[in-house]
Structures are given as structure tokens and as C-alpha cells.
């Protein structure tokens, strides 16, 4: 993998291990930036900053991130080379094997990447929109028709809201003008709600199994979908909500109001879970995401673990390393400020790894990787 003028890195070239890759160093040296470069290659965008031009190294005009994905789709191994380039004032360029994508959406799901970072706490602590986006992102990586329906629905909600605001600003009310929008929204909303329910029904057992492994069965957790969209009934719900819609100037019912409820025992995780319990929940959530995508997409996602040892104890950390040793997980990248902690845990779990020391002056290999493979 190669980085050129990406964030704080002038030029970096890494010969990666196909199992676990450790990026070790002080805060602020750019460990997380290397993980974000891998995220760019897999998802055509950064995880931490969606504004591409702000990921260019200070004082430079462009960045380049390039890497190779070793694939085995049953017909023998092949290597896909992916390059992502961003120049100030120009459109982002993403190439696969030398050919540029006409639509970046065509890249989604081809090389799945899952990031676990401290910012994931917002999945528990923030509002329902964050959890909806997480759920939609996972489903969209293997179900393109779902993504198309979701985009159509969001456009219809926006247009319907514009009409409601027009009514309010002009002191008029014409329910007949809402009916065409409602008729188009109903089948989309019911289809989206049904797919979200199917997703959680498949996802929850995977999550439960991994969470039990991480906490040694000491905690009982769960998740469920909260939605008011029911098959065959959403059209009636839209009609019943029109007075609220009129008063609030927006569409008050629909899948854009769905939520995923996280709980510990019979209580909301946000209010009753300790920091360690919340961290373990998020780890299990992301690891289950890896397993779910591997089964759905047909290849193991790359797993990026940024500063994961913050607020989890040694027992949970050791359980995580043992979990990563399982065959169901593919290539892993881990960052940490402690130069010895992760390598020691990986040796104890007998997991092959490579490690690099990251400083302000560059990235230096600590151990030589074996059976190297990049992205």
C-alpha cells in the first residue's frame, strides 16, 4: 500500500501482512491516518472527514492512495489494484485496475471495509439518525436495489416536506396535492422497513454469539428495530398524521423515523451501560458486521481497529485477540499508543502479525511481515 501527501504523511509504502497489521506510536503521529487510507480504498471516502480536499497534506495540491486487493472468488486468486486521487478543485478520481469509475457508487461493497473507532460511541449516545445510517450502510454494501429504493424514498420525503412548508408559508392547505407523494412513498417505505427487519433478524444472532465470547457470557444485551411502518398500513398512517405534518411542516411518520434500540438487560444501553459495557457492545457490533458482510458479499471485509483498548479491560482485550484469531476474520489493522500491548496479546493468541512504529518523521517496520499481501 502506498500513500502520497495523504493527511500528515508525505510518502509511505507498507508491505502488509495478510493477518494482522499493528500501527504503534504516540497520539498525533498519523496512525489513524493510515487506517483511513485503507478506508478510502475500500469505500471511496474517508471515515473521519467527508471533505476530500481537507485530507490533502498541508501545503500540497493533491493526494494519492493506492493498494492491491488479493481476491479469491472460487476461480483462483487474482489481484485488483485500486487507486484514489484527490486534487484541489477537481473531481475525485477512483480507478480499479487502471480504469476509472464513472459512478463511485459502483465501487460500494466490492472491497468491504469495517472501521471500529472511538467515534463509534455516537452509535449509542446520539440520536436515531446515526443508527439508521449504520444499518442502511451495512445493507447497501450487498443490496444495491435497497440503496436505490432508499434514495428514491429520501427524495420523495424531501419533496413532500417542501410542499408542506409551501402550504404553511402561503397559508393554504390542499390534501389532494399530498396524495401523489404518499402513493409513491408507501411501497418504498414498506419495502425498506421489511428489509431492515430481515437484516436485524439475520444480524442479531451473529452479534449475540460474538458479544458472549467477548464478555464471557457475563452480560445480556440485545437490539431491536423501532418502526411505525407496517405492511399494508402505512398509507393509512400517512393520512392520520396529516394534521401533525401540517402543524410541524414536515413528514412525521415513515422509515426516516426508524431507530435501532440497544439494550443491556431490559434497560437502554445508553443510560445503564458502563463505558466498558458500551465499548464491548460496539466491538461486538462491528465484528458482527464483518461476519455478516463476509457471508453476504462472499469475501471477508478488512477490519480497522483504531485505539480500541481505550476503556476496555485486559480480559476483554485478550478475548478480542482470540476472537480475531478465528478463520472468519480476514485482514486486520490495529492502532495503539502502547508499543508492546498488542504484539504481546497477538503472540499469546498465536496470531501472525506485522508491526510498524509511526512517528512524525515517518513509518518504520518493527517486525517483518510474512506471506505479505496488500491493500
Protein backbone atom coordinates (compact mmCIF):
# COMPACT_ATOMS: atom_id res chain seq x y z
CA UNK A 1 0.00 0.00 0.00
CA UNK A 2 1.26 3.49 -0.86
CA UNK A 3 0.33 6.94 0.46
CA UNK A 4 1.45 10.20 -1.10
CA UNK A 5 0.67 13.53 0.58
CA UNK A 6 -2.26 11.99 2.45
CA UNK A 7 -3.08 13.93 5.61
CA UNK A 8 0.19 14.24 7.60
CA UNK A 9 2.09 11.59 5.59
CA UNK A 10 4.39 12.79 2.82
CA UNK A 11 5.19 9.36 1.43
CA UNK A 12 4.57 5.91 2.95
CA UNK A 13 4.93 2.43 1.49
CA UNK A 14 3.87 -0.61 3.52
CA UNK A 15 4.41 -4.31 2.78
CA UNK A 16 1.43 -5.71 4.65
CA UNK A 17 0.69 -8.94 6.48
CA UNK A 18 -2.47 -10.80 5.37
CA UNK A 19 -3.45 -11.36 9.02
CA UNK A 20 -2.86 -8.51 11.50
CA UNK A 21 -1.02 -5.21 10.97
CA UNK A 22 -0.16 -3.07 14.03
CA UNK A 23 0.47 0.68 13.83
CA UNK A 24 2.11 1.79 17.07
CA UNK A 25 3.11 5.25 18.25
CA UNK A 26 2.19 8.36 20.17
CA UNK A 27 -1.03 10.27 19.63
CA UNK A 28 -0.92 12.70 16.73
CA UNK A 29 1.70 10.83 14.70
CA UNK A 30 -0.69 9.61 12.00
CA UNK A 31 -1.55 6.02 12.93
CA UNK A 32 -5.24 6.63 12.37
CA UNK A 33 -4.48 8.29 9.04
CA UNK A 34 -3.02 5.05 7.70
CA UNK A 35 -6.22 3.24 8.68
CA UNK A 36 -8.25 5.97 6.98
CA UNK A 37 -6.26 5.45 3.78
CA UNK A 38 -7.37 1.80 3.76
CA UNK A 39 -10.94 3.01 4.27
CA UNK A 40 -10.57 5.24 1.20
CA UNK A 41 -9.54 2.28 -0.93
CA UNK A 42 -12.48 0.19 0.22
CA UNK A 43 -15.23 2.81 0.38
CA UNK A 44 -14.00 5.64 -1.87
CA UNK A 45 -14.20 8.07 1.05
CA UNK A 46 -12.60 8.83 4.38
CA UNK A 47 -14.14 7.62 7.61
CA UNK A 48 -13.37 10.72 9.67
CA UNK A 49 -13.63 13.64 7.24
CA UNK A 50 -16.03 13.52 4.27
CA UNK A 51 -14.46 16.60 2.67
CA UNK A 52 -11.82 15.07 0.38
CA UNK A 53 -9.76 18.22 -0.15
CA UNK A 54 -9.19 18.53 3.61
CA UNK A 55 -7.36 15.19 3.57
CA UNK A 56 -4.60 16.59 1.35
CA UNK A 57 -1.33 17.19 3.19
CA UNK A 58 -0.91 20.81 4.25
CA UNK A 59 0.77 22.86 1.57
CA UNK A 60 0.25 20.30 -1.19
CA UNK A 61 -2.22 20.24 -4.08
CA UNK A 62 -3.27 16.58 -4.20
CA UNK A 63 -3.08 13.18 -2.50
CA UNK A 64 -2.84 9.64 -3.81
CA UNK A 65 -3.69 6.40 -2.01
CA UNK A 66 -3.01 3.15 -3.84
CA UNK A 67 -3.13 -0.52 -2.94
CA UNK A 68 -3.73 -4.05 -4.19
CA UNK A 69 -6.51 -6.38 -3.05
CA UNK A 70 -5.74 -10.11 -3.25
CA UNK A 71 -9.01 -11.88 -4.05
CA UNK A 72 -10.11 -15.49 -4.25
CA UNK A 73 -13.61 -15.77 -5.69
CA UNK A 74 -13.50 -19.51 -6.28
CA UNK A 75 -11.99 -19.26 -9.75
CA UNK A 76 -8.45 -18.78 -8.47
CA UNK A 77 -6.63 -15.85 -6.91
CA UNK A 78 -6.47 -12.50 -8.61
CA UNK A 79 -5.17 -9.07 -7.67
CA UNK A 80 -7.13 -5.87 -8.12
CA UNK A 81 -5.23 -2.61 -7.95
CA UNK A 82 -7.18 0.38 -6.66
CA UNK A 83 -6.05 3.99 -6.68
CA UNK A 84 -7.84 7.02 -5.24
CA UNK A 85 -6.60 10.52 -6.13
CA UNK A 86 -7.91 13.88 -5.00
CA UNK A 87 -6.67 17.23 -6.32
CA UNK A 88 -7.88 20.62 -5.14
CA UNK A 89 -10.63 21.99 -7.34
CA UNK A 90 -11.06 18.72 -9.25
CA UNK A 91 -13.38 15.74 -9.10
CA UNK A 92 -12.20 12.74 -7.10
CA UNK A 93 -10.70 10.03 -9.31
CA UNK A 94 -11.08 6.37 -8.37
CA UNK A 95 -9.53 3.68 -10.55
CA UNK A 96 -9.71 -0.11 -10.48
CA UNK A 97 -7.05 -1.91 -12.50
CA UNK A 98 -6.31 1.33 -14.33
CA UNK A 99 -9.93 2.04 -15.33
CA UNK A 100 -11.75 4.98 -13.76
CA UNK A 101 -15.21 4.52 -12.29
CA UNK A 102 -17.94 6.59 -13.92
CA UNK A 103 -20.02 6.31 -10.70
CA UNK A 104 -18.35 5.92 -7.31
CA UNK A 105 -21.43 4.01 -6.10
CA UNK A 106 -20.33 1.13 -8.34
CA UNK A 107 -17.35 0.63 -6.00
CA UNK A 108 -19.51 0.23 -2.88
CA UNK A 109 -19.38 -3.30 -1.49
CA UNK A 110 -16.67 -4.58 -3.84
CA UNK A 111 -13.96 -4.44 -1.15
CA UNK A 112 -15.81 -4.17 2.17
CA UNK A 113 -14.03 -2.36 4.99
CA UNK A 114 -15.25 -2.03 8.58
CA UNK A 115 -13.82 0.60 10.93
CA UNK A 116 -14.00 0.48 14.74
CA UNK A 117 -13.06 3.85 16.25
CA UNK A 118 -13.70 5.90 19.41
CA UNK A 119 -16.21 7.95 17.41
CA UNK A 120 -18.42 4.83 17.26
CA UNK A 121 -19.72 5.86 20.67
CA UNK A 122 -22.13 8.11 18.80
CA UNK A 123 -24.00 4.97 17.72
CA UNK A 124 -25.08 4.59 21.34
CA UNK A 125 -25.10 8.18 22.58
CA UNK A 126 -26.51 10.13 19.60
CA UNK A 127 -29.97 10.19 18.03
CA UNK A 128 -31.72 7.68 15.79
CA UNK A 129 -30.31 9.10 12.53
CA UNK A 130 -26.84 7.74 13.33
CA UNK A 131 -28.14 4.22 13.91
CA UNK A 132 -30.31 4.34 10.77
CA UNK A 133 -27.29 5.38 8.71
CA UNK A 134 -25.26 2.49 10.16
CA UNK A 135 -27.99 -0.01 9.31
CA UNK A 136 -28.51 1.41 5.82
CA UNK A 137 -24.76 1.44 5.14
CA UNK A 138 -24.41 -2.25 6.00
CA UNK A 139 -27.39 -3.34 3.91
CA UNK A 140 -26.37 -1.16 0.95
CA UNK A 141 -22.98 -2.85 0.67
CA UNK A 142 -24.60 -6.07 -0.55
CA UNK A 143 -28.07 -4.94 -1.72
CA UNK A 144 -27.89 -2.24 -4.39
CA UNK A 145 -31.69 -2.25 -5.05
CA UNK A 146 -32.17 -1.39 -1.37
CA UNK A 147 -29.87 1.61 -1.76
CA UNK A 148 -31.79 2.72 -4.86
CA UNK A 149 -35.15 2.47 -3.03
CA UNK A 150 -33.74 4.33 -0.05
CA UNK A 151 -32.50 7.20 -2.23
CA UNK A 152 -35.87 7.40 -4.01
CA UNK A 153 -37.70 7.47 -0.69
CA UNK A 154 -35.46 10.18 0.74
CA UNK A 155 -36.06 12.31 -2.36
CA UNK A 156 -39.84 11.90 -2.01
CA UNK A 157 -39.73 12.89 1.68
CA UNK A 158 -37.75 15.99 0.80
CA UNK A 159 -40.25 17.00 -1.90
CA UNK A 160 -43.21 16.30 0.38
CA UNK A 161 -41.61 18.43 3.12
CA UNK A 162 -41.09 21.24 0.61
CA UNK A 163 -44.82 21.09 -0.19
CA UNK A 164 -45.77 21.19 3.48
CA UNK A 165 -43.59 24.26 4.01
CA UNK A 166 -45.15 25.88 0.93
CA UNK A 167 -48.61 25.35 2.40
CA UNK A 168 -47.56 26.91 5.71
CA UNK A 169 -45.81 29.90 4.18
CA UNK A 170 -48.76 30.66 1.88
CA UNK A 171 -51.48 29.82 4.42
CA UNK A 172 -53.12 27.23 2.22
CA UNK A 173 -53.91 23.54 2.66
CA UNK A 174 -54.63 21.07 -0.13
CA UNK A 175 -54.50 17.41 0.88
CA UNK A 176 -55.07 16.40 -2.73
CA UNK A 177 -51.57 17.62 -3.59
CA UNK A 178 -50.09 15.30 -0.93
CA UNK A 179 -51.74 12.17 -2.28
CA UNK A 180 -49.40 11.60 -5.28
CA UNK A 181 -46.37 11.82 -2.99
CA UNK A 182 -47.98 9.48 -0.45
CA UNK A 183 -48.83 6.90 -3.12
CA UNK A 184 -45.20 6.77 -4.26
CA UNK A 185 -43.80 6.68 -0.72
CA UNK A 186 -45.94 3.79 0.56
CA UNK A 187 -44.41 0.85 -1.39
CA UNK A 188 -40.88 2.17 -0.91
CA UNK A 189 -41.30 2.65 2.84
CA UNK A 190 -42.88 -0.78 3.38
CA UNK A 191 -40.12 -2.45 1.35
CA UNK A 192 -37.37 -0.62 3.27
CA UNK A 193 -38.93 -1.46 6.66
CA UNK A 194 -39.24 -5.13 5.69
CA UNK A 195 -35.59 -5.32 4.60
CA UNK A 196 -34.41 -3.64 7.80
CA UNK A 197 -36.36 -6.18 9.84
CA UNK A 198 -34.83 -9.06 7.83
CA UNK A 199 -31.38 -7.59 8.34
CA UNK A 200 -31.72 -7.42 12.13
CA UNK A 201 -33.20 -10.92 12.25
CA UNK A 202 -30.07 -12.24 10.49
CA UNK A 203 -27.62 -9.93 12.22
CA UNK A 204 -28.68 -10.33 15.86
CA UNK A 205 -27.65 -14.00 16.32
CA UNK A 206 -24.20 -13.20 14.89
CA UNK A 207 -23.92 -10.24 17.25
CA UNK A 208 -25.10 -12.26 20.28
CA UNK A 209 -22.53 -15.01 19.67
CA UNK A 210 -19.62 -12.57 19.37
CA UNK A 211 -20.71 -10.46 22.35
CA UNK A 212 -20.98 -13.58 24.52
CA UNK A 213 -17.43 -14.51 23.52
CA UNK A 214 -16.05 -11.06 24.37
CA UNK A 215 -17.70 -10.77 27.79
CA UNK A 216 -17.57 -14.49 28.66
CA UNK A 217 -21.37 -14.54 28.92
CA UNK A 218 -21.43 -12.16 31.89
CA UNK A 219 -23.75 -9.61 30.24
CA UNK A 220 -27.12 -9.88 28.49
CA UNK A 221 -27.62 -7.43 25.63
CA UNK A 222 -29.86 -7.09 22.61
CA UNK A 223 -31.14 -4.89 19.81
CA UNK A 224 -34.45 -4.39 18.05
CA UNK A 225 -35.98 -2.29 15.28
CA UNK A 226 -38.35 0.51 16.24
CA UNK A 227 -40.63 1.43 13.31
CA UNK A 228 -44.20 2.57 12.76
CA UNK A 229 -44.24 1.37 9.16
CA UNK A 230 -46.25 -1.83 8.85
CA UNK A 231 -47.04 -3.68 5.66
CA UNK A 232 -50.42 -2.67 4.26
CA UNK A 233 -50.95 0.05 6.87
CA UNK A 234 -48.51 2.84 6.04
CA UNK A 235 -50.87 4.63 3.66
CA UNK A 236 -53.43 4.95 6.46
CA UNK A 237 -50.69 6.13 8.85
CA UNK A 238 -49.77 8.94 6.44
CA UNK A 239 -53.38 10.12 6.30
CA UNK A 240 -53.74 10.01 10.09
CA UNK A 241 -50.53 12.05 10.52
CA UNK A 242 -51.54 14.89 8.19
CA UNK A 243 -52.60 17.26 10.96
CA UNK A 244 -49.22 16.78 12.67
CA UNK A 245 -47.48 17.17 9.32
CA UNK A 246 -49.37 20.40 8.69
CA UNK A 247 -48.54 21.80 12.11
CA UNK A 248 -44.85 20.81 12.08
CA UNK A 249 -44.28 21.43 8.36
CA UNK A 250 -42.62 18.05 7.82
CA UNK A 251 -43.42 14.38 7.31
CA UNK A 252 -43.74 12.96 10.81
CA UNK A 253 -44.13 9.24 10.03
CA UNK A 254 -42.09 6.90 7.84
CA UNK A 255 -38.90 4.87 7.76
CA UNK A 256 -36.92 8.11 8.07
CA UNK A 257 -38.02 7.98 11.74
CA UNK A 258 -36.93 4.36 12.39
CA UNK A 259 -34.46 3.54 15.15
CA UNK A 260 -32.42 0.57 16.36
CA UNK A 261 -32.82 0.15 20.11
CA UNK A 262 -29.74 -1.09 22.01
CA UNK A 263 -30.26 -2.56 25.46
CA UNK A 264 -28.39 -4.19 28.32
CA UNK A 265 -30.62 -6.50 30.27
CA UNK A 266 -34.06 -4.90 29.99
CA UNK A 267 -32.71 -1.35 30.05
CA UNK A 268 -31.42 1.17 27.46
CA UNK A 269 -27.68 0.70 26.96
CA UNK A 270 -27.17 4.47 26.69
CA UNK A 271 -28.41 5.09 30.24
CA UNK A 272 -27.50 1.90 32.09
CA UNK A 273 -24.34 0.59 30.38
CA UNK A 274 -20.89 1.42 31.79
CA UNK A 275 -18.20 2.71 29.45
CA UNK A 276 -16.64 -0.74 29.33
CA UNK A 277 -20.00 -2.38 28.59
CA UNK A 278 -20.75 0.13 25.85
CA UNK A 279 -17.30 -0.41 24.34
CA UNK A 280 -17.77 -4.18 24.33
CA UNK A 281 -21.21 -3.76 22.74
CA UNK A 282 -19.70 -1.64 19.95
CA UNK A 283 -16.85 -4.10 19.38
CA UNK A 284 -19.33 -6.95 19.06
CA UNK A 285 -21.50 -4.82 16.75
CA UNK A 286 -18.64 -4.12 14.37
CA UNK A 287 -17.24 -7.66 14.47
CA UNK A 288 -20.71 -9.00 13.69
CA UNK A 289 -20.83 -6.50 10.83
CA UNK A 290 -17.64 -8.06 9.47
CA UNK A 291 -19.10 -11.55 9.71
CA UNK A 292 -22.43 -10.51 8.20
CA UNK A 293 -20.78 -8.80 5.23
CA UNK A 294 -18.45 -11.74 4.69
CA UNK A 295 -21.43 -14.04 4.33
CA UNK A 296 -23.43 -11.64 2.18
CA UNK A 297 -20.67 -10.28 -0.08
CA UNK A 298 -18.73 -13.53 -0.35
CA UNK A 299 -15.40 -12.19 0.90
CA UNK A 300 -14.04 -11.20 4.29
CA UNK A 301 -14.02 -7.46 4.96
CA UNK A 302 -10.87 -5.70 6.08
CA UNK A 303 -11.19 -4.73 9.75
CA UNK A 304 -9.74 -1.44 11.01
CA UNK A 305 -9.39 -1.06 14.80
CA UNK A 306 -8.48 2.45 15.92
CA UNK A 307 -7.48 2.88 19.57
CA UNK A 308 -9.75 0.02 20.62
CA UNK A 309 -8.13 -0.57 24.00
CA UNK A 310 -9.43 2.68 25.42
CA UNK A 311 -11.87 1.82 28.25
CA UNK A 312 -11.76 -1.99 27.97
CA UNK A 313 -10.00 -4.20 30.49
CA UNK A 314 -7.27 -6.77 29.87
CA UNK A 315 -9.70 -9.71 29.89
CA UNK A 316 -11.85 -8.18 27.15
CA UNK A 317 -8.73 -7.24 25.19
CA UNK A 318 -7.42 -10.79 25.36
CA UNK A 319 -10.82 -12.16 24.34
CA UNK A 320 -10.81 -9.80 21.35
CA UNK A 321 -7.41 -11.02 20.16
CA UNK A 322 -8.57 -14.64 20.50
CA UNK A 323 -11.70 -13.78 18.52
CA UNK A 324 -9.59 -12.23 15.75
CA UNK A 325 -7.61 -15.47 15.54
CA UNK A 326 -10.72 -17.20 14.16
CA UNK A 327 -10.78 -18.01 10.47
CA UNK A 328 -13.93 -15.98 9.84
CA UNK A 329 -11.99 -12.70 10.09
CA UNK A 330 -9.74 -11.52 7.30
CA UNK A 331 -7.03 -8.88 7.27
CA UNK A 332 -6.92 -6.63 10.35
CA UNK A 333 -5.29 -3.24 11.07
CA UNK A 334 -4.88 -2.08 14.69
CA UNK A 335 -3.53 1.18 16.09
CA UNK A 336 -2.32 1.69 19.67
CA UNK A 337 -0.14 4.06 21.67
CA UNK A 338 1.46 1.22 23.67
CA UNK A 339 4.34 -0.33 21.68
CA UNK A 340 4.14 -3.70 23.48
CA UNK A 341 0.50 -4.35 24.39
CA UNK A 342 -0.93 -5.56 21.07
CA UNK A 343 2.15 -7.54 19.94
CA UNK A 344 2.16 -9.38 23.29
CA UNK A 345 -1.55 -10.23 23.05
CA UNK A 346 -1.14 -11.41 19.45
CA UNK A 347 1.81 -13.63 20.36
CA UNK A 348 -0.21 -15.16 23.20
CA UNK A 349 -3.07 -15.83 20.76
CA UNK A 350 -0.59 -17.18 18.17
CA UNK A 351 -1.83 -14.75 15.51
CA UNK A 352 0.63 -13.81 12.69
CA UNK A 353 1.23 -10.07 12.56
CA UNK A 354 3.45 -7.26 11.34
CA UNK A 355 4.09 -4.03 13.25
CA UNK A 356 5.22 -0.50 12.42
CA UNK A 357 6.39 2.38 14.59
CA UNK A 358 4.69 5.58 13.46
CA UNK A 359 6.36 8.92 14.23
CA UNK A 360 6.18 12.46 12.91
CA UNK A 361 9.16 11.57 10.73
CA UNK A 362 7.66 8.50 9.06
CA UNK A 363 6.63 4.86 9.39
CA UNK A 364 9.27 2.25 10.27
CA UNK A 365 8.76 -1.54 10.29
CA UNK A 366 9.30 -3.21 13.68
CA UNK A 367 8.74 -6.80 12.57
CA UNK A 368 8.98 -8.22 9.09
CA UNK A 369 5.65 -9.44 7.72
CA UNK A 370 5.32 -12.98 6.43
CA UNK A 371 3.16 -14.05 3.46
CA UNK A 372 2.67 -10.40 2.67
CA UNK A 373 -0.36 -9.14 0.81
CA UNK A 374 -1.56 -5.59 0.41
CA UNK A 375 -4.17 -3.42 0.11
